[in-house]
């Protein structure tokens, strides 16, 4: 039962988290997954199959854009994602909504 609630709650914040992780620099998929795991702990240990649909949706919405890096030496070409201006504006709006929701939840849970 806990897994069901955990999945539902995570699903609602993953777009915000991905945009936040891209706010400072472009990253490739595995890098995003690693950073989520490092900063968020096991709760945000995502599989590729979860992350890439989010990235594709954000790209379709114009909130991120993708570019391929050049292969150098033994390093393979990687697809990097970076936040767009529209993505930065959306992130600000999402963070404001998140603040209101988390404040409301905290007040309810205090009782």
PDB file of N, CA and C in Angstrom:
ATOM      1  N   UNK A   1       0.821  -1.196   0.000  1.00  0.00           N
ATOM      2  CA  UNK A   1       0.000   0.000   0.000  1.00  0.00           C
ATOM      3  C   UNK A   1       0.866   1.261   0.000  1.00  0.00           C
ATOM      4  N   UNK A   2       1.964   1.245   0.770  1.00  0.00           N
ATOM      5  CA  UNK A   2       2.841   2.415   0.825  1.00  0.00           C
ATOM      6  C   UNK A   2       3.407   2.762  -0.539  1.00  0.00           C
ATOM      7  N   UNK A   3       3.754   1.751  -1.348  1.00  0.00           N
ATOM      8  CA  UNK A   3       4.313   1.991  -2.676  1.00  0.00           C
ATOM      9  C   UNK A   3       3.349   2.780  -3.543  1.00  0.00           C
ATOM     10  N   UNK A   4       2.082   2.460  -3.441  1.00  0.00           N
ATOM     11  CA  UNK A   4       1.059   3.149  -4.230  1.00  0.00           C
ATOM     12  C   UNK A   4       1.053   4.642  -3.905  1.00  0.00           C
ATOM     13  N   UNK A   5       1.041   4.990  -2.632  1.00  0.00           N
ATOM     14  CA  UNK A   5       1.020   6.395  -2.225  1.00  0.00           C
ATOM     15  C   UNK A   5       2.323   7.092  -2.586  1.00  0.00           C
ATOM     16  N   UNK A   6       3.421   6.377  -2.404  1.00  0.00           N
ATOM     17  CA  UNK A   6       4.722   6.959  -2.738  1.00  0.00           C
ATOM     18  C   UNK A   6       4.794   7.295  -4.225  1.00  0.00           C
ATOM     19  N   UNK A   7       4.361   6.373  -5.080  1.00  0.00           N
ATOM     20  CA  UNK A   7       4.370   6.613  -6.525  1.00  0.00           C
ATOM     21  C   UNK A   7       3.510   7.813  -6.888  1.00  0.00           C
ATOM     22  N   UNK A   8       2.333   7.897  -6.299  1.00  0.00           N
ATOM     23  CA  UNK A   8       1.432   9.007  -6.608  1.00  0.00           C
ATOM     24  C   UNK A   8       2.033  10.345  -6.193  1.00  0.00           C
ATOM     25  N   UNK A   9       2.617  10.394  -5.024  1.00  0.00           N
ATOM     26  CA  UNK A   9       3.189  11.649  -4.533  1.00  0.00           C
ATOM     27  C   UNK A   9       4.410  12.056  -5.353  1.00  0.00           C
ATOM     28  N   UNK A  10       5.268  11.101  -5.690  1.00  0.00           N
ATOM     29  CA  UNK A  10       6.460  11.410  -6.486  1.00  0.00           C
ATOM     30  C   UNK A  10       6.065  11.885  -7.879  1.00  0.00           C
ATOM     31  N   UNK A  11       5.074  11.254  -8.452  1.00  0.00           N
ATOM     32  CA  UNK A  11       4.648  11.588  -9.805  1.00  0.00           C
ATOM     33  C   UNK A  11       4.297  13.076  -9.921  1.00  0.00           C
ATOM     34  N   UNK A  12       3.728  13.635  -8.879  1.00  0.00           N
ATOM     35  CA  UNK A  12       3.321  15.026  -8.899  1.00  0.00           C
ATOM     36  C   UNK A  12       4.453  16.029  -8.824  1.00  0.00           C
ATOM     37  N   UNK A  13       5.640  15.597  -8.417  1.00  0.00           N
ATOM     38  CA  UNK A  13       6.739  16.554  -8.242  1.00  0.00           C
ATOM     39  C   UNK A  13       7.927  16.317  -9.175  1.00  0.00           C
ATOM     40  N   UNK A  14       7.897  15.265  -9.959  1.00  0.00           N
ATOM     41  CA  UNK A  14       9.065  14.940 -10.777  1.00  0.00           C
ATOM     42  C   UNK A  14       9.393  15.998 -11.819  1.00  0.00           C
ATOM     43  N   UNK A  15       8.386  16.603 -12.446  1.00  0.00           N
ATOM     44  CA  UNK A  15       8.663  17.677 -13.409  1.00  0.00           C
ATOM     45  C   UNK A  15       9.420  18.818 -12.728  1.00  0.00           C
ATOM     46  N   UNK A  16       8.946  19.210 -11.555  1.00  0.00           N
ATOM     47  CA  UNK A  16       9.579  20.302 -10.816  1.00  0.00           C
ATOM     48  C   UNK A  16      11.027  19.947 -10.470  1.00  0.00           C
ATOM     49  N   UNK A  17      11.253  18.734 -10.030  1.00  0.00           N
ATOM     50  CA  UNK A  17      12.599  18.317  -9.635  1.00  0.00           C
ATOM     51  C   UNK A  17      13.538  18.301 -10.839  1.00  0.00           C
ATOM     52  N   UNK A  18      13.077  17.770 -11.948  1.00  0.00           N
ATOM     53  CA  UNK A  18      13.918  17.720 -13.145  1.00  0.00           C
ATOM     54  C   UNK A  18      14.263  19.138 -13.601  1.00  0.00           C
ATOM     55  N   UNK A  19      13.278  20.021 -13.643  1.00  0.00           N
ATOM     56  CA  UNK A  19      13.549  21.409 -14.036  1.00  0.00           C
ATOM     57  C   UNK A  19      14.543  22.054 -13.078  1.00  0.00           C
ATOM     58  N   UNK A  20      14.387  21.798 -11.785  1.00  0.00           N
ATOM     59  CA  UNK A  20      15.294  22.379 -10.783  1.00  0.00           C
ATOM     60  C   UNK A  20      16.726  21.887 -10.993  1.00  0.00           C
ATOM     61  N   UNK A  21      16.878  20.599 -11.291  1.00  0.00           N
ATOM     62  CA  UNK A  21      18.221  20.048 -11.503  1.00  0.00           C
ATOM     63  C   UNK A  21      18.867  20.589 -12.772  1.00  0.00           C
ATOM     64  N   UNK A  22      18.059  21.030 -13.722  1.00  0.00           N
ATOM     65  CA  UNK A  22      18.588  21.592 -14.964  1.00  0.00           C
ATOM     66  C   UNK A  22      18.753  23.112 -14.891  1.00  0.00           C
ATOM     67  N   UNK A  23      18.330  23.726 -13.807  1.00  0.00           N
ATOM     68  CA  UNK A  23      18.334  25.185 -13.699  1.00  0.00           C
ATOM     69  C   UNK A  23      19.734  25.785 -13.778  1.00  0.00           C
ATOM     70  N   UNK A  24      20.753  25.072 -13.306  1.00  0.00           N
ATOM     71  CA  UNK A  24      22.107  25.638 -13.269  1.00  0.00           C
ATOM     72  C   UNK A  24      22.998  25.206 -14.424  1.00  0.00           C
ATOM     73  N   UNK A  25      22.730  24.031 -14.992  1.00  0.00           N
ATOM     74  CA  UNK A  25      23.553  23.555 -16.100  1.00  0.00           C
ATOM     75  C   UNK A  25      22.841  22.443 -16.845  1.00  0.00           C
ATOM     76  N   UNK A  26      23.220  22.270 -18.097  1.00  0.00           N
ATOM     77  CA  UNK A  26      22.682  21.180 -18.917  1.00  0.00           C
ATOM     78  C   UNK A  26      23.233  19.858 -18.384  1.00  0.00           C
ATOM     79  N   UNK A  27      22.394  18.829 -18.446  1.00  0.00           N
ATOM     80  CA  UNK A  27      22.799  17.504 -17.959  1.00  0.00           C
ATOM     81  C   UNK A  27      22.257  16.437 -18.896  1.00  0.00           C
ATOM     82  N   UNK A  28      22.918  15.298 -18.918  1.00  0.00           N
ATOM     83  CA  UNK A  28      22.398  14.158 -19.665  1.00  0.00           C
ATOM     84  C   UNK A  28      21.603  13.278 -18.698  1.00  0.00           C
ATOM     85  N   UNK A  29      20.811  12.370 -19.254  1.00  0.00           N
ATOM     86  CA  UNK A  29      19.859  11.599 -18.456  1.00  0.00           C
ATOM     87  C   UNK A  29      20.443  10.904 -17.248  1.00  0.00           C
ATOM     88  N   UNK A  30      21.502  10.124 -17.444  1.00  0.00           N
ATOM     89  CA  UNK A  30      22.078   9.389 -16.329  1.00  0.00           C
ATOM     90  C   UNK A  30      22.589  10.334 -15.244  1.00  0.00           C
ATOM     91  N   UNK A  31      23.092  11.480 -15.653  1.00  0.00           N
ATOM     92  CA  UNK A  31      23.577  12.489 -14.706  1.00  0.00           C
ATOM     93  C   UNK A  31      22.409  13.001 -13.846  1.00  0.00           C
ATOM     94  N   UNK A  32      21.264  13.201 -14.457  1.00  0.00           N
ATOM     95  CA  UNK A  32      20.074  13.647 -13.721  1.00  0.00           C
ATOM     96  C   UNK A  32      19.657  12.576 -12.714  1.00  0.00           C
ATOM     97  N   UNK A  33      19.642  11.325 -13.156  1.00  0.00           N
ATOM     98  CA  UNK A  33      19.265  10.226 -12.269  1.00  0.00           C
ATOM     99  C   UNK A  33      20.212  10.152 -11.081  1.00  0.00           C
ATOM    100  N   UNK A  34      21.509  10.261 -11.324  1.00  0.00           N
ATOM    101  CA  UNK A  34      22.503  10.206 -10.250  1.00  0.00           C
ATOM    102  C   UNK A  34      22.332  11.355  -9.265  1.00  0.00           C
ATOM    103  N   UNK A  35      22.120  12.560  -9.794  1.00  0.00           N
ATOM    104  CA  UNK A  35      21.977  13.719  -8.919  1.00  0.00           C
ATOM    105  C   UNK A  35      20.704  13.617  -8.081  1.00  0.00           C
ATOM    106  N   UNK A  36      19.640  13.111  -8.680  1.00  0.00           N
ATOM    107  CA  UNK A  36      18.398  12.899  -7.917  1.00  0.00           C
ATOM    108  C   UNK A  36      18.648  11.947  -6.761  1.00  0.00           C
ATOM    109  N   UNK A  37      19.353  10.875  -7.049  1.00  0.00           N
ATOM    110  CA  UNK A  37      19.637   9.862  -6.028  1.00  0.00           C
ATOM    111  C   UNK A  37      20.535  10.446  -4.933  1.00  0.00           C
ATOM    112  N   UNK A  38      21.550  11.213  -5.329  1.00  0.00           N
ATOM    113  CA  UNK A  38      22.468  11.809  -4.356  1.00  0.00           C
ATOM    114  C   UNK A  38      21.764  12.816  -3.454  1.00  0.00           C
ATOM    115  N   UNK A  39      20.952  13.681  -4.045  1.00  0.00           N
ATOM    116  CA  UNK A  39      20.312  14.748  -3.276  1.00  0.00           C
ATOM    117  C   UNK A  39      19.025  14.309  -2.587  1.00  0.00           C
ATOM    118  N   UNK A  40      18.291  13.400  -3.212  1.00  0.00           N
ATOM    119  CA  UNK A  40      16.992  13.012  -2.681  1.00  0.00           C
ATOM    120  C   UNK A  40      16.961  11.682  -1.978  1.00  0.00           C
ATOM    121  N   UNK A  41      18.073  10.973  -2.012  1.00  0.00           N
ATOM    122  CA  UNK A  41      18.111   9.671  -1.374  1.00  0.00           C
ATOM    123  C   UNK A  41      17.369   8.626  -2.197  1.00  0.00           C
ATOM    124  N   UNK A  42      17.149   7.509  -1.592  1.00  0.00           N
ATOM    125  CA  UNK A  42      16.542   6.380  -2.285  1.00  0.00           C
ATOM    126  C   UNK A  42      15.126   6.668  -2.775  1.00  0.00           C
ATOM    127  N   UNK A  43      14.452   7.599  -2.148  1.00  0.00           N
ATOM    128  CA  UNK A  43      13.080   7.930  -2.539  1.00  0.00           C
ATOM    129  C   UNK A  43      13.023   8.401  -3.991  1.00  0.00           C
ATOM    130  N   UNK A  44      14.083   9.015  -4.479  1.00  0.00           N
ATOM    131  CA  UNK A  44      14.118   9.493  -5.856  1.00  0.00           C
ATOM    132  C   UNK A  44      15.130   8.717  -6.692  1.00  0.00           C
ATOM    133  N   UNK A  45      15.181   7.431  -6.478  1.00  0.00           N
ATOM    134  CA  UNK A  45      16.010   6.545  -7.272  1.00  0.00           C
ATOM    135  C   UNK A  45      15.185   6.107  -8.485  1.00  0.00           C
ATOM    136  N   UNK A  46      15.353   6.827  -9.592  1.00  0.00           N
ATOM    137  CA  UNK A  46      14.539   6.578 -10.783  1.00  0.00           C
ATOM    138  C   UNK A  46      15.230   5.655 -11.763  1.00  0.00           C
ATOM    139  N   UNK A  47      14.412   5.004 -12.564  1.00  0.00           N
ATOM    140  CA  UNK A  47      14.918   4.198 -13.671  1.00  0.00           C
ATOM    141  C   UNK A  47      14.838   5.047 -14.930  1.00  0.00           C
ATOM    142  N   UNK A  48      15.631   4.675 -15.937  1.00  0.00           N
ATOM    143  CA  UNK A  48      15.610   5.385 -17.220  1.00  0.00           C
ATOM    144  C   UNK A  48      14.189   5.484 -17.770  1.00  0.00           C
ATOM    145  N   UNK A  49      13.451   4.397 -17.629  1.00  0.00           N
ATOM    146  CA  UNK A  49      12.094   4.337 -18.169  1.00  0.00           C
ATOM    147  C   UNK A  49      11.140   5.307 -17.513  1.00  0.00           C
ATOM    148  N   UNK A  50      11.509   5.842 -16.374  1.00  0.00           N
ATOM    149  CA  UNK A  50      10.693   6.857 -15.702  1.00  0.00           C
ATOM    150  C   UNK A  50      11.142   8.255 -16.103  1.00  0.00           C
ATOM    151  N   UNK A  51      12.452   8.461 -16.171  1.00  0.00           N
ATOM    152  CA  UNK A  51      12.986   9.792 -16.447  1.00  0.00           C
ATOM    153  C   UNK A  51      12.756  10.249 -17.882  1.00  0.00           C
ATOM    154  N   UNK A  52      13.051   9.397 -18.840  1.00  0.00           N
ATOM    155  CA  UNK A  52      13.017   9.856 -20.234  1.00  0.00           C
ATOM    156  C   UNK A  52      11.635  10.311 -20.705  1.00  0.00           C
ATOM    157  N   UNK A  53      10.552   9.648 -20.332  1.00  0.00           N
ATOM    158  CA  UNK A  53       9.240  10.201 -20.714  1.00  0.00           C
ATOM    159  C   UNK A  53       9.000  11.602 -20.137  1.00  0.00           C
ATOM    160  N   UNK A  54       9.519  11.854 -18.942  1.00  0.00           N
ATOM    161  CA  UNK A  54       9.399  13.190 -18.344  1.00  0.00           C
ATOM    162  C   UNK A  54      10.186  14.190 -19.187  1.00  0.00           C
ATOM    163  N   UNK A  55      11.415  13.846 -19.530  1.00  0.00           N
ATOM    164  CA  UNK A  55      12.244  14.744 -20.343  1.00  0.00           C
ATOM    165  C   UNK A  55      11.606  15.007 -21.704  1.00  0.00           C
ATOM    166  N   UNK A  56      11.067  13.969 -22.323  1.00  0.00           N
ATOM    167  CA  UNK A  56      10.424  14.141 -23.638  1.00  0.00           C
ATOM    168  C   UNK A  56       9.194  15.038 -23.531  1.00  0.00           C
ATOM    169  N   UNK A  57       8.417  14.866 -22.469  1.00  0.00           N
ATOM    170  CA  UNK A  57       7.229  15.700 -22.262  1.00  0.00           C
ATOM    171  C   UNK A  57       7.633  17.161 -22.025  1.00  0.00           C
ATOM    172  N   UNK A  58       8.658  17.368 -21.195  1.00  0.00           N
ATOM    173  CA  UNK A  58       9.134  18.730 -20.939  1.00  0.00           C
ATOM    174  C   UNK A  58       9.664  19.364 -22.223  1.00  0.00           C
ATOM    175  N   UNK A  59      10.306  18.557 -23.049  1.00  0.00           N
ATOM    176  CA  UNK A  59      10.814  19.051 -24.324  1.00  0.00           C
ATOM    177  C   UNK A  59       9.648  19.407 -25.254  1.00  0.00           C
ATOM    178  N   UNK A  60       8.642  18.543 -25.324  1.00  0.00           N
ATOM    179  CA  UNK A  60       7.455  18.819 -26.154  1.00  0.00           C
ATOM    180  C   UNK A  60       6.750  20.097 -25.714  1.00  0.00           C
ATOM    181  N   UNK A  61       6.786  20.368 -24.408  1.00  0.00           N
ATOM    182  CA  UNK A  61       6.142  21.565 -23.857  1.00  0.00           C
ATOM    183  C   UNK A  61       7.008  22.819 -23.987  1.00  0.00           C
ATOM    184  N   UNK A  62       8.235  22.658 -24.505  1.00  0.00           N
ATOM    185  CA  UNK A  62       9.132  23.795 -24.684  1.00  0.00           C
ATOM    186  C   UNK A  62       9.825  24.243 -23.409  1.00  0.00           C
ATOM    187  N   UNK A  63       9.812  23.400 -22.370  1.00  0.00           N
ATOM    188  CA  UNK A  63      10.411  23.775 -21.091  1.00  0.00           C
ATOM    189  C   UNK A  63      11.884  23.371 -21.001  1.00  0.00           C
ATOM    190  N   UNK A  64      12.279  22.398 -21.798  1.00  0.00           N
ATOM    191  CA  UNK A  64      13.690  22.030 -21.929  1.00  0.00           C
ATOM    192  C   UNK A  64      13.983  21.827 -23.410  1.00  0.00           C
ATOM    193  N   UNK A  65      15.252  21.923 -23.748  1.00  0.00           N
ATOM    194  CA  UNK A  65      15.672  21.598 -25.106  1.00  0.00           C
ATOM    195  C   UNK A  65      16.845  20.643 -25.005  1.00  0.00           C
ATOM    196  N   UNK A  66      16.976  19.827 -26.035  1.00  0.00           N
ATOM    197  CA  UNK A  66      18.016  18.806 -26.029  1.00  0.00           C
ATOM    198  C   UNK A  66      19.036  19.092 -27.121  1.00  0.00           C
ATOM    199  N   UNK A  67      20.258  18.681 -26.872  1.00  0.00           N
ATOM    200  CA  UNK A  67      21.314  18.781 -27.875  1.00  0.00           C
ATOM    201  C   UNK A  67      22.272  17.626 -27.654  1.00  0.00           C
ATOM    202  N   UNK A  68      22.864  17.161 -28.726  1.00  0.00           N
ATOM    203  CA  UNK A  68      23.833  16.069 -28.647  1.00  0.00           C
ATOM    204  C   UNK A  68      25.233  16.635 -28.509  1.00  0.00           C
ATOM    205  N   UNK A  69      26.034  16.031 -27.654  1.00  0.00           N
ATOM    206  CA  UNK A  69      27.442  16.399 -27.541  1.00  0.00           C
ATOM    207  C   UNK A  69      28.212  15.631 -28.599  1.00  0.00           C
ATOM    208  N   UNK A  70      29.379  16.113 -28.893  1.00  0.00           N
ATOM    209  CA  UNK A  70      30.261  15.422 -29.841  1.00  0.00           C
ATOM    210  C   UNK A  70      30.985  14.292 -29.103  1.00  0.00           C
ATOM    211  N   UNK A  71      31.175  13.173 -29.776  1.00  0.00           N
ATOM    212  CA  UNK A  71      31.963  12.082 -29.201  1.00  0.00           C
ATOM    213  C   UNK A  71      33.429  12.495 -29.224  1.00  0.00           C
ATOM    214  N   UNK A  72      34.099  12.373 -28.084  1.00  0.00           N
ATOM    215  CA  UNK A  72      35.505  12.743 -27.989  1.00  0.00           C
ATOM    216  C   UNK A  72      36.293  11.583 -27.411  1.00  0.00           C
ATOM    217  N   UNK A  73      37.262  11.106 -28.148  1.00  0.00           N
ATOM    218  CA  UNK A  73      38.065   9.979 -27.667  1.00  0.00           C
ATOM    219  C   UNK A  73      37.188   8.775 -27.393  1.00  0.00           C
ATOM    220  N   UNK A  74      37.276   8.274 -26.173  1.00  0.00           N
ATOM    221  CA  UNK A  74      36.468   7.117 -25.784  1.00  0.00           C
ATOM    222  C   UNK A  74      35.084   7.511 -25.288  1.00  0.00           C
ATOM    223  N   UNK A  75      34.867   8.795 -25.088  1.00  0.00           N
ATOM    224  CA  UNK A  75      33.566   9.270 -24.600  1.00  0.00           C
ATOM    225  C   UNK A  75      32.559   9.261 -25.757  1.00  0.00           C
ATOM    226  N   UNK A  76      31.410   8.665 -25.509  1.00  0.00           N
ATOM    227  CA  UNK A  76      30.365   8.594 -26.532  1.00  0.00           C
ATOM    228  C   UNK A  76      29.582   9.905 -26.562  1.00  0.00           C
ATOM    229  N   UNK A  77      28.898  10.138 -27.655  1.00  0.00           N
ATOM    230  CA  UNK A  77      28.020  11.307 -27.736  1.00  0.00           C
ATOM    231  C   UNK A  77      26.889  11.135 -26.729  1.00  0.00           C
ATOM    232  N   UNK A  78      26.511  12.220 -26.093  1.00  0.00           N
ATOM    233  CA  UNK A  78      25.432  12.182 -25.096  1.00  0.00           C
ATOM    234  C   UNK A  78      24.411  13.250 -25.434  1.00  0.00           C
ATOM    235  N   UNK A  79      23.188  12.962 -25.083  1.00  0.00           N
ATOM    236  CA  UNK A  79      22.107  13.919 -25.275  1.00  0.00           C
ATOM    237  C   UNK A  79      21.952  14.722 -23.989  1.00  0.00           C
ATOM    238  N   UNK A  80      22.242  16.017 -24.085  1.00  0.00           N
ATOM    239  CA  UNK A  80      22.132  16.911 -22.936  1.00  0.00           C
ATOM    240  C   UNK A  80      20.812  17.663 -22.993  1.00  0.00           C
ATOM    241  N   UNK A  81      20.246  17.871 -21.821  1.00  0.00           N
ATOM    242  CA  UNK A  81      19.002  18.622 -21.697  1.00  0.00           C
ATOM    243  C   UNK A  81      19.288  19.902 -20.929  1.00  0.00           C
ATOM    244  N   UNK A  82      18.725  21.003 -21.407  1.00  0.00           N
ATOM    245  CA  UNK A  82      18.877  22.268 -20.690  1.00  0.00           C
ATOM    246  C   UNK A  82      17.535  22.970 -20.602  1.00  0.00           C
ATOM    247  N   UNK A  83      17.375  23.713 -19.538  1.00  0.00           N
ATOM    248  CA  UNK A  83      16.125  24.418 -19.299  1.00  0.00           C
ATOM    249  C   UNK A  83      16.041  25.628 -20.239  1.00  0.00           C
ATOM    250  N   UNK A  84      14.838  25.935 -20.697  1.00  0.00           N
ATOM    251  CA  UNK A  84      14.619  27.100 -21.553  1.00  0.00           C
ATOM    252  C   UNK A  84      14.091  28.259 -20.706  1.00  0.00           C
ATOM    253  N   UNK A  85      13.935  29.419 -21.326  1.00  0.00           N
ATOM    254  CA  UNK A  85      13.339  30.549 -20.615  1.00  0.00           C
ATOM    255  C   UNK A  85      11.942  30.219 -20.125  1.00  0.00           C
ATOM    256  N   UNK A  86      11.166  29.559 -20.987  1.00  0.00           N
ATOM    257  CA  UNK A  86       9.811  29.146 -20.587  1.00  0.00           C
ATOM    258  C   UNK A  86       9.882  28.142 -19.437  1.00  0.00           C
ATOM    259  N   UNK A  87      10.917  27.294 -19.451  1.00  0.00           N
ATOM    260  CA  UNK A  87      11.100  26.323 -18.380  1.00  0.00           C
ATOM    261  C   UNK A  87      11.421  26.995 -17.056  1.00  0.00           C
ATOM    262  N   UNK A  88      12.226  28.055 -17.117  1.00  0.00           N
ATOM    263  CA  UNK A  88      12.553  28.800 -15.884  1.00  0.00           C
ATOM    264  C   UNK A  88      11.301  29.462 -15.305  1.00  0.00           C
ATOM    265  N   UNK A  89      10.490  30.031 -16.186  1.00  0.00           N
ATOM    266  CA  UNK A  89       9.251  30.662 -15.727  1.00  0.00           C
ATOM    267  C   UNK A  89       8.310  29.613 -15.141  1.00  0.00           C
ATOM    268  N   UNK A  90       8.192  28.468 -15.815  1.00  0.00           N
ATOM    269  CA  UNK A  90       7.344  27.387 -15.312  1.00  0.00           C
ATOM    270  C   UNK A  90       7.845  26.894 -13.961  1.00  0.00           C
ATOM    271  N   UNK A  91       9.165  26.772 -13.807  1.00  0.00           N
ATOM    272  CA  UNK A  91       9.740  26.321 -12.537  1.00  0.00           C
ATOM    273  C   UNK A  91       9.376  27.274 -11.415  1.00  0.00           C
ATOM    274  N   UNK A  92       9.468  28.577 -11.659  1.00  0.00           N
ATOM    275  CA  UNK A  92       9.074  29.555 -10.633  1.00  0.00           C
ATOM    276  C   UNK A  92       7.617  29.374 -10.233  1.00  0.00           C
ATOM    277  N   UNK A  93       6.759  29.180 -11.227  1.00  0.00           N
ATOM    278  CA  UNK A  93       5.334  29.002 -10.951  1.00  0.00           C
ATOM    279  C   UNK A  93       5.080  27.701 -10.188  1.00  0.00           C
ATOM    280  N   UNK A  94       5.735  26.626 -10.611  1.00  0.00           N
ATOM    281  CA  UNK A  94       5.563  25.332  -9.948  1.00  0.00           C
ATOM    282  C   UNK A  94       6.067  25.397  -8.510  1.00  0.00           C
ATOM    283  N   UNK A  95       7.205  26.066  -8.301  1.00  0.00           N
ATOM    284  CA  UNK A  95       7.740  26.194  -6.939  1.00  0.00           C
ATOM    285  C   UNK A  95       6.781  26.973  -6.041  1.00  0.00           C
ATOM    286  N   UNK A  96       6.132  27.994  -6.582  1.00  0.00           N
ATOM    287  CA  UNK A  96       5.154  28.762  -5.796  1.00  0.00           C
ATOM    288  C   UNK A  96       3.968  27.883  -5.419  1.00  0.00           C
ATOM    289  N   UNK A  97       3.508  27.083  -6.368  1.00  0.00           N
ATOM    290  CA  UNK A  97       2.400  26.158  -6.087  1.00  0.00           C
ATOM    291  C   UNK A  97       2.838  25.143  -5.038  1.00  0.00           C
ATOM    292  N   UNK A  98       4.046  24.610  -5.206  1.00  0.00           N
ATOM    293  CA  UNK A  98       4.568  23.631  -4.252  1.00  0.00           C
ATOM    294  C   UNK A  98       4.638  24.231  -2.849  1.00  0.00           C
ATOM    295  N   UNK A  99       5.071  25.458  -2.741  1.00  0.00           N
ATOM    296  CA  UNK A  99       5.161  26.121  -1.433  1.00  0.00           C
ATOM    297  C   UNK A  99       3.790  26.211  -0.776  1.00  0.00           C
ATOM    298  N   UNK A 100       2.786  26.606  -1.561  1.00  0.00           N
ATOM    299  CA  UNK A 100       1.418  26.706  -1.017  1.00  0.00           C
ATOM    300  C   UNK A 100       0.901  25.329  -0.590  1.00  0.00           C
ATOM    301  N   UNK A 101       1.133  24.331  -1.421  1.00  0.00           N
ATOM    302  CA  UNK A 101       0.661  22.985  -1.100  1.00  0.00           C
ATOM    303  C   UNK A 101       1.363  22.440   0.141  1.00  0.00           C
ATOM    304  N   UNK A 102       2.688  22.551   0.181  1.00  0.00           N
ATOM    305  CA  UNK A 102       3.424  21.990   1.318  1.00  0.00           C
ATOM    306  C   UNK A 102       3.103  22.734   2.615  1.00  0.00           C
ATOM    307  N   UNK A 103       2.860  24.037   2.534  1.00  0.00           N
ATOM    308  CA  UNK A 103       2.467  24.792   3.720  1.00  0.00           C
ATOM    309  C   UNK A 103       1.094  24.327   4.201  1.00  0.00           C
ATOM    310  N   UNK A 104       0.167  24.158   3.276  1.00  0.00           N
ATOM    311  CA  UNK A 104      -1.168  23.690   3.628  1.00  0.00           C
ATOM    312  C   UNK A 104      -1.143  22.298   4.241  1.00  0.00           C
ATOM    313  N   UNK A 105      -0.350  21.415   3.650  1.00  0.00           N
ATOM    314  CA  UNK A 105      -0.227  20.055   4.166  1.00  0.00           C
ATOM    315  C   UNK A 105       0.356  20.080   5.578  1.00  0.00           C
ATOM    316  N   UNK A 106       1.394  20.879   5.774  1.00  0.00           N
ATOM    317  CA  UNK A 106       2.034  20.975   7.094  1.00  0.00           C
ATOM    318  C   UNK A 106       1.039  21.432   8.154  1.00  0.00           C
ATOM    319  N   UNK A 107       0.208  22.413   7.801  1.00  0.00           N
ATOM    320  CA  UNK A 107      -0.777  22.902   8.767  1.00  0.00           C
ATOM    321  C   UNK A 107      -1.786  21.819   9.113  1.00  0.00           C
ATOM    322  N   UNK A 108      -2.233  21.085   8.119  1.00  0.00           N
ATOM    323  CA  UNK A 108      -3.199  20.009   8.366  1.00  0.00           C
ATOM    324  C   UNK A 108      -2.566  18.897   9.210  1.00  0.00           C
ATOM    325  N   UNK A 109      -1.340  18.528   8.911  1.00  0.00           N
ATOM    326  CA  UNK A 109      -0.680  17.410   9.585  1.00  0.00           C
ATOM    327  C   UNK A 109      -0.242  17.748  11.017  1.00  0.00           C
ATOM    328  N   UNK A 110      -0.223  19.023  11.393  1.00  0.00           N
ATOM    329  CA  UNK A 110       0.175  19.419  12.746  1.00  0.00           C
ATOM    330  C   UNK A 110      -0.808  18.929  13.786  1.00  0.00           C
ATOM    331  N   UNK A 111      -2.053  18.766  13.413  1.00  0.00           N
ATOM    332  CA  UNK A 111      -3.078  18.342  14.383  1.00  0.00           C
ATOM    333  C   UNK A 111      -2.935  16.908  14.791  1.00  0.00           C
TER     334      UNK A 111
END
